[in-house]
Protein backbone atom coordinates (compact mmCIF):
# COMPACT_ATOMS: atom_id res chain seq x y z
CA MET A 1 15.67 128.29 66.54
CA SER A 2 13.36 130.21 68.89
CA ARG A 3 10.57 127.73 68.06
CA ALA A 4 12.66 124.62 68.77
CA GLY A 5 11.70 122.50 71.78
CA GLU A 6 13.76 122.84 74.94
CA THR A 7 15.18 119.34 74.66
CA GLN A 8 15.46 119.30 70.85
CA GLU A 9 19.05 118.28 70.09
CA GLN A 10 18.96 118.46 66.30
CA ILE A 11 17.88 120.69 63.43
CA TYR A 12 15.97 118.66 60.85
CA TYR A 13 15.83 119.02 57.08
CA LEU A 14 14.47 117.08 54.11
CA ALA A 15 15.81 117.39 50.56
CA GLY A 16 13.88 116.64 47.37
CA PRO A 17 13.05 117.81 43.84
CA ASP A 18 10.20 120.18 44.77
CA LEU A 19 7.95 121.24 47.64
CA ALA A 20 5.06 119.01 46.57
CA ALA A 21 7.27 115.92 46.67
CA LEU A 22 8.74 116.95 50.02
CA ARG A 23 5.30 117.36 51.61
CA ARG A 24 4.35 113.82 50.50
CA SER A 25 7.39 112.19 52.11
CA PRO A 26 6.42 109.52 54.67
CA ASN A 27 9.56 110.41 56.63
CA LEU A 28 7.79 113.57 57.79
CA GLU A 29 4.96 111.75 59.57
CA ALA A 30 6.57 111.53 63.03
CA PHE A 31 7.67 115.18 62.89
CA ARG A 32 4.32 116.41 61.59
CA LYS A 33 2.44 114.62 64.38
CA ARG A 34 4.80 116.16 66.94
CA GLY A 35 4.51 119.62 65.40
CA VAL A 36 8.29 119.83 64.91
CA GLU A 37 9.50 122.05 62.08
CA VAL A 38 11.59 120.62 59.24
CA LEU A 39 13.57 122.65 56.69
CA PHE A 40 12.61 121.86 53.07
CA LEU A 41 15.51 121.91 50.60
CA SER A 42 14.67 121.76 46.90
CA ASP A 43 18.11 122.81 45.63
CA PRO A 44 21.01 120.30 45.91
CA ILE A 45 23.38 123.18 46.76
CA ASP A 46 21.40 123.81 49.96
CA GLU A 47 21.94 120.22 51.07
CA ILE A 48 25.67 120.40 50.33
CA ALA A 49 25.91 123.62 52.35
CA LEU A 50 24.10 122.16 55.36
CA SER A 51 26.16 118.96 55.20
CA THR A 52 29.31 121.09 55.31
CA LEU A 53 27.99 123.28 58.14
CA ASN A 54 27.07 120.17 60.18
CA ARG A 55 26.06 122.14 63.32
CA PHE A 56 24.32 125.42 64.10
CA LYS A 57 24.15 127.04 67.55
CA GLY A 58 25.23 123.78 69.15
CA LYS A 59 22.61 121.64 67.45
CA GLU A 60 23.45 118.92 64.93
CA ILE A 61 21.93 119.34 61.45
CA VAL A 62 20.48 116.06 60.16
CA SER A 63 18.13 114.84 57.44
CA VAL A 64 14.86 113.34 58.67
CA ASP A 65 15.54 110.27 56.51
CA SER A 66 18.89 109.65 58.18
CA ALA A 67 19.54 106.85 60.66
CA GLU A 68 21.19 109.49 62.86
CA ALA A 69 17.95 111.48 63.21
CA LYS A 70 16.64 111.32 66.78
CA LEU A 71 12.87 111.50 66.94
CA PRO A 72 11.75 114.49 69.03
CA ALA A 73 9.74 113.96 72.19
CA ALA A 74 5.96 113.80 71.77
CA ASN A 75 5.41 117.11 73.58
CA GLU A 76 8.17 119.08 71.81
CA GLY A 77 6.29 120.98 69.13
CA GLY A 78 2.65 120.99 70.17
CA GLY A 79 1.44 118.76 67.35
CA GLU A 80 -1.15 115.98 67.40
CA ALA A 81 1.03 113.77 69.59
CA ALA A 82 1.51 116.52 72.18
CA ASP A 83 -2.05 116.25 73.45
CA SER A 84 -1.60 112.69 74.70
CA GLU A 85 1.13 110.22 75.38
CA THR A 86 2.45 108.40 72.37
CA THR A 87 1.67 104.72 72.39
CA THR A 88 3.99 102.10 71.07
CA VAL A 89 2.28 99.98 68.43
CA GLU A 90 2.55 96.31 69.25
CA PRO A 91 3.74 94.42 66.15
CA PRO A 92 1.15 91.89 64.95
CA SER A 93 1.69 88.16 65.11
CA GLY A 94 3.81 87.13 62.16
CA PHE A 95 5.56 90.50 61.85
CA ASP A 96 9.04 89.02 62.39
CA LEU A 97 8.35 86.44 59.69
CA LEU A 98 7.15 89.25 57.42
CA LEU A 99 10.44 91.09 57.90
CA THR A 100 12.31 87.90 57.04
CA LEU A 101 10.36 87.50 53.79
CA PHE A 102 10.92 91.18 52.96
CA ARG A 103 14.67 90.81 53.55
CA ASP A 104 14.71 87.73 51.32
CA ALA A 105 12.89 89.55 48.52
CA LEU A 106 15.04 92.69 48.74
CA SER A 107 18.42 91.22 49.65
CA ASN A 108 20.07 92.80 46.59
CA ASP A 109 18.35 96.18 46.93
CA VAL A 110 18.48 97.36 50.53
CA ALA A 111 20.97 97.32 53.41
CA ASP A 112 18.33 95.97 55.80
CA VAL A 113 14.61 95.75 56.54
CA LYS A 114 13.48 96.65 60.05
CA LYS A 115 10.59 97.83 62.19
CA SER A 116 9.93 101.57 61.97
CA ASP A 117 9.46 103.93 64.90
CA ARG A 118 9.09 107.01 62.69
CA LEU A 119 6.07 106.08 60.56
CA ALA A 120 2.53 106.91 61.63
CA ASP A 121 0.40 106.05 58.58
CA SER A 122 2.47 104.89 55.60
CA PRO A 123 3.39 101.19 55.29
CA VAL A 124 7.11 101.70 54.57
CA CYS A 125 9.79 104.32 54.01
CA LEU A 126 13.44 104.43 52.98
CA VAL A 127 16.10 105.83 55.31
CA SER A 128 19.84 106.17 55.00
CA ALA A 129 21.80 103.35 56.62
CA GLU A 130 23.69 104.12 59.80
CA GLY A 131 27.17 105.40 59.04
CA SER A 132 26.36 106.25 55.41
CA ALA A 133 26.64 109.73 53.95
CA GLY A 134 22.86 110.05 53.99
CA TYR A 135 22.63 111.91 50.69
CA SER A 136 19.14 112.51 49.32
CA ALA A 137 18.13 110.95 46.01
CA GLN A 138 18.38 114.38 44.38
CA LEU A 139 21.97 114.95 45.55
CA GLN A 140 22.90 111.40 44.51
CA LYS A 141 21.78 112.26 40.96
CA VAL A 142 24.02 115.33 40.97
CA LEU A 143 26.98 113.37 42.32
CA SER A 144 26.51 110.56 39.80
CA MET A 145 26.46 113.08 36.93
CA SER A 146 29.68 114.74 38.11
CA ASN A 147 31.44 111.55 39.21
CA ALA A 148 31.18 108.48 36.98
CA GLY A 149 32.50 106.27 39.79
CA PHE A 150 29.90 107.37 42.35
CA GLU A 151 27.78 104.50 43.67
CA ALA A 152 24.67 105.33 45.69
CA PRO A 153 24.70 103.55 49.07
CA LYS A 154 21.92 101.07 49.79
CA ARG A 155 19.19 102.30 52.09
CA VAL A 156 17.21 100.69 54.89
CA LEU A 157 13.53 99.87 54.35
CA GLU A 158 11.56 100.62 57.52
CA VAL A 159 8.21 98.86 57.96
CA ASN A 160 5.30 100.28 59.96
CA PRO A 161 3.74 97.56 62.19
CA GLY A 162 0.65 99.71 62.73
CA ASN A 163 -0.28 100.04 59.07
CA ALA A 164 -3.38 98.03 58.03
CA LEU A 165 -1.73 96.49 54.95
CA ILE A 166 1.37 95.46 56.91
CA ARG A 167 -0.77 93.88 59.63
CA ARG A 168 -2.70 91.89 57.01
CA LEU A 169 0.50 90.78 55.26
CA SER A 170 1.86 89.68 58.64
CA GLU A 171 -1.17 87.41 59.04
CA LEU A 172 -0.72 86.00 55.53
CA ALA A 173 3.00 85.40 56.11
CA ALA A 174 2.14 82.64 58.60
CA ASN A 175 1.00 80.47 55.67
CA ASP A 176 3.89 79.25 53.49
CA GLN A 177 1.58 79.25 50.46
CA ASN A 178 1.48 83.06 50.67
CA SER A 179 5.27 83.54 50.74
CA ALA A 180 5.60 84.34 47.02
CA PHE A 181 2.76 86.88 47.23
CA VAL A 182 4.27 88.54 50.31
CA ARG A 183 7.65 88.80 48.56
CA ASP A 184 5.95 90.44 45.55
CA CYS A 185 4.28 92.91 47.90
CA ALA A 186 7.68 93.64 49.46
CA ARG A 187 9.10 94.50 46.04
CA GLN A 188 6.11 96.70 45.21
CA LEU A 189 6.26 98.53 48.54
CA TYR A 190 9.98 99.09 48.00
CA THR A 191 9.24 100.50 44.54
CA ASN A 192 6.57 102.79 46.01
CA ALA A 193 9.08 104.03 48.59
CA GLN A 194 11.64 104.68 45.83
CA LEU A 195 9.14 106.78 43.87
CA LEU A 196 8.23 108.85 46.94
CA ALA A 197 11.94 109.38 47.63
CA GLY A 198 12.55 110.54 44.06
CA ILE A 199 14.50 107.43 43.08
CA ALA A 200 13.84 105.89 39.68
CA PRO A 201 12.81 102.23 40.08
CA ASP A 202 13.33 99.31 37.69
CA THR A 203 10.62 100.17 35.14
CA GLN A 204 10.37 96.72 33.54
CA ASP A 205 10.10 95.02 36.93
CA LEU A 206 7.42 97.49 38.02
CA VAL A 207 5.32 97.03 34.87
CA THR A 208 5.56 93.22 34.97
CA ARG A 209 4.62 93.04 38.64
CA THR A 210 1.73 95.50 38.30
CA GLN A 211 0.33 93.54 35.38
CA HIS A 212 0.60 90.32 37.41
CA PHE A 213 -1.32 91.92 40.30
CA MET A 214 -4.06 93.11 37.91
CA GLU A 215 -4.34 89.68 36.29
CA GLU A 216 -4.71 88.07 39.71
CA LEU A 217 -7.37 90.57 40.78
CA ALA A 218 -9.23 90.29 37.45
CA GLY A 219 -9.32 86.51 37.85
CA LYS A 220 -11.26 86.92 41.08
CA ARG A 221 -13.95 89.11 39.46
CA THR A 222 -17.09 87.76 37.87
CA SER A 223 -18.71 88.79 34.59
CA VAL A 224 -22.13 87.69 35.84
CA ILE A 225 -24.48 90.63 36.45
CA LEU A 226 -26.37 90.11 39.68
C-alpha cells in the first residue's frame, strides 16, 4: 500500500491459471504503462478470499478485467505514461460501423462490444460486464465443477481504436462487400481474447475459420518463381 499513488482509489488484481498467462493478459496494458502494481492470483482460493474481503485500508479491491475498475491517473505509478500526458486516440472513420458489425457477429456470445479505454497495444480484450460478479475464467471453471447449474455470465468485448488491425478493419467496414470478412475477423478476435483469458473457445468453429483464412490467403499467392 505504501507504493500506491496518492489518488489511487482501488487495489487491483488479476486472476489466471499461471504467472506466464497473467503477464500476457491485454488487460494489464493500461496499468503497465502507468507503472501501477497489480496483484497476480494463480490460485482460485485467493480470488475467493479477495472477493469476500472486498476492501482493504479503505480501498476497494477489484479485478483489472472488471467494468468497475477505474483506470489510474497517468502520473500515478511512474510508468511510461507518467513522462507525458496521455493522449486520447481518435477512433478512425468507420469505427462505429465496425462495432456494429462486431456486435452482429457476436450477438450470442458477448454482452456488448464497445470502444476500449484500457488497451494500449492489443486489438481487443474481454472484461466483465457492469454489475456482474466479475469472476475470472479460472474461478468460473471451479464454480461450474462444484455447481452443475452455474452459468458463466457473458463478457464485454472491448475494441482498441488505436490498434493497426482495428483501424484497417474500420476502413474495410465502409464497403458492404467486406462485411462478411469483418464479421469473421470479429469472431477470430473474440476467440483470441478467450484464449488469452483462459476460456476454452469453440474448437470446431476455430478450426473451420482458420482453414478458411488460410485458403483465402493461399489463393492470393502465386506459384510462379520470379
